[in-house]
Amino acid sequence: PMHFIHGELDELIPVAQMRAQYQEISEPRTLAVIDGANHLFDGKVAEVGDVIRTRFEIRTEEQS
């Protein structure tokens, strides 16, 4: 599986570009867009951690 986390306000790779590339990747895949986050997720570390934790928990449940 491929898991992507992207900042809504990423100044280097626009979220629209990420969404287009995401569509080209085969399943299984997930994309989480962090509201208000830039490329480095400044001030959004907790939200990124929440996404990672949630994906890990879901993946662990799927493998059980």
C-alpha atoms as a PDB file:
ATOM      1  CA  PRO A   1       0.000   0.000   0.000  1.00  0.00           C
ATOM      2  CA  MET A   2       1.030   3.578  -0.616  1.00  0.00           C
ATOM      3  CA  HIS A   3      -0.011   6.320   1.785  1.00  0.00           C
ATOM      4  CA  PHE A   4       0.392   9.975   0.850  1.00  0.00           C
ATOM      5  CA  ILE A   5       0.100  12.979   3.129  1.00  0.00           C
ATOM      6  CA  HIS A   6       0.008  16.346   1.426  1.00  0.00           C
ATOM      7  CA  GLY A   7      -0.376  19.926   2.571  1.00  0.00           C
ATOM      8  CA  GLU A   8      -3.356  21.810   1.196  1.00  0.00           C
ATOM      9  CA  LEU A   9      -1.191  24.935   0.819  1.00  0.00           C
ATOM     10  CA  ASP A  10       1.973  23.188  -0.403  1.00  0.00           C
ATOM     11  CA  GLU A  11       3.967  25.887  -2.176  1.00  0.00           C
ATOM     12  CA  LEU A  12       6.223  23.447  -4.078  1.00  0.00           C
ATOM     13  CA  ILE A  13       3.753  20.832  -5.311  1.00  0.00           C
ATOM     14  CA  PRO A  14       0.192  22.105  -5.677  1.00  0.00           C
ATOM     15  CA  VAL A  15      -2.424  19.787  -4.211  1.00  0.00           C
ATOM     16  CA  ALA A  16      -4.108  19.551  -7.643  1.00  0.00           C
ATOM     17  CA  GLN A  17      -0.871  18.134  -9.075  1.00  0.00           C
ATOM     18  CA  MET A  18      -0.655  15.611  -6.238  1.00  0.00           C
ATOM     19  CA  ARG A  19      -4.255  14.539  -6.810  1.00  0.00           C
ATOM     20  CA  ALA A  20      -3.559  14.029 -10.531  1.00  0.00           C
ATOM     21  CA  GLN A  21      -0.461  11.925  -9.812  1.00  0.00           C
ATOM     22  CA  TYR A  22      -2.351  10.004  -7.143  1.00  0.00           C
ATOM     23  CA  GLN A  23      -4.903   8.896  -9.740  1.00  0.00           C
ATOM     24  CA  GLU A  24      -2.086   7.287 -11.748  1.00  0.00           C
ATOM     25  CA  ILE A  25      -0.989   5.047  -8.857  1.00  0.00           C
ATOM     26  CA  SER A  26      -2.519   1.612  -8.543  1.00  0.00           C
ATOM     27  CA  GLU A  27      -4.474   0.460  -5.492  1.00  0.00           C
ATOM     28  CA  PRO A  28      -4.154   0.098  -2.605  1.00  0.00           C
ATOM     29  CA  ARG A  29      -3.481   3.747  -1.926  1.00  0.00           C
ATOM     30  CA  THR A  30      -4.687   6.552   0.319  1.00  0.00           C
ATOM     31  CA  LEU A  31      -4.289  10.306   0.219  1.00  0.00           C
ATOM     32  CA  ALA A  32      -4.732  12.620   3.178  1.00  0.00           C
ATOM     33  CA  VAL A  33      -4.687  16.365   2.547  1.00  0.00           C
ATOM     34  CA  ILE A  34      -3.896  18.375   5.670  1.00  0.00           C
ATOM     35  CA  ASP A  35      -5.972  21.581   5.773  1.00  0.00           C
ATOM     36  CA  GLY A  36      -3.872  24.731   5.927  1.00  0.00           C
ATOM     37  CA  ALA A  37      -0.557  22.845   5.775  1.00  0.00           C
ATOM     38  CA  ASN A  38       2.378  23.960   3.663  1.00  0.00           C
ATOM     39  CA  HIS A  39       5.116  21.761   2.167  1.00  0.00           C
ATOM     40  CA  LEU A  40       6.843  21.263   5.536  1.00  0.00           C
ATOM     41  CA  PHE A  41       3.579  20.929   7.492  1.00  0.00           C
ATOM     42  CA  ASP A  42       4.612  23.885   9.693  1.00  0.00           C
ATOM     43  CA  GLY A  43       2.313  24.005  12.699  1.00  0.00           C
ATOM     44  CA  LYS A  44       0.493  20.875  11.571  1.00  0.00           C
ATOM     45  CA  VAL A  45       2.692  18.133  13.030  1.00  0.00           C
ATOM     46  CA  ALA A  46      -0.087  16.883  15.315  1.00  0.00           C
ATOM     47  CA  GLU A  47      -2.457  16.499  12.365  1.00  0.00           C
ATOM     48  CA  VAL A  48       0.179  14.594  10.389  1.00  0.00           C
ATOM     49  CA  GLY A  49       0.749  12.329  13.384  1.00  0.00           C
ATOM     50  CA  ASP A  50      -2.988  11.688  13.646  1.00  0.00           C
ATOM     51  CA  VAL A  51      -3.164  10.657   9.983  1.00  0.00           C
ATOM     52  CA  ILE A  52      -0.179   8.324  10.337  1.00  0.00           C
ATOM     53  CA  ARG A  53      -1.541   6.787  13.535  1.00  0.00           C
ATOM     54  CA  THR A  54      -4.982   6.246  12.005  1.00  0.00           C
ATOM     55  CA  ARG A  55      -3.558   4.632   8.851  1.00  0.00           C
ATOM     56  CA  PHE A  56      -1.335   2.381  10.966  1.00  0.00           C
ATOM     57  CA  GLU A  57      -4.302   1.315  13.101  1.00  0.00           C
ATOM     58  CA  ILE A  58      -6.460   0.606  10.038  1.00  0.00           C
ATOM     59  CA  ARG A  59      -3.668  -1.347   8.356  1.00  0.00           C
ATOM     60  CA  THR A  60      -3.039  -3.359  11.527  1.00  0.00           C
ATOM     61  CA  GLU A  61      -6.749  -4.229  11.774  1.00  0.00           C
ATOM     62  CA  GLU A  62      -6.809  -5.278   8.109  1.00  0.00           C
ATOM     63  CA  GLN A  63      -3.930  -7.683   8.706  1.00  0.00           C
ATOM     64  CA  SER A  64      -5.457  -9.221  11.858  1.00  0.00           C
END
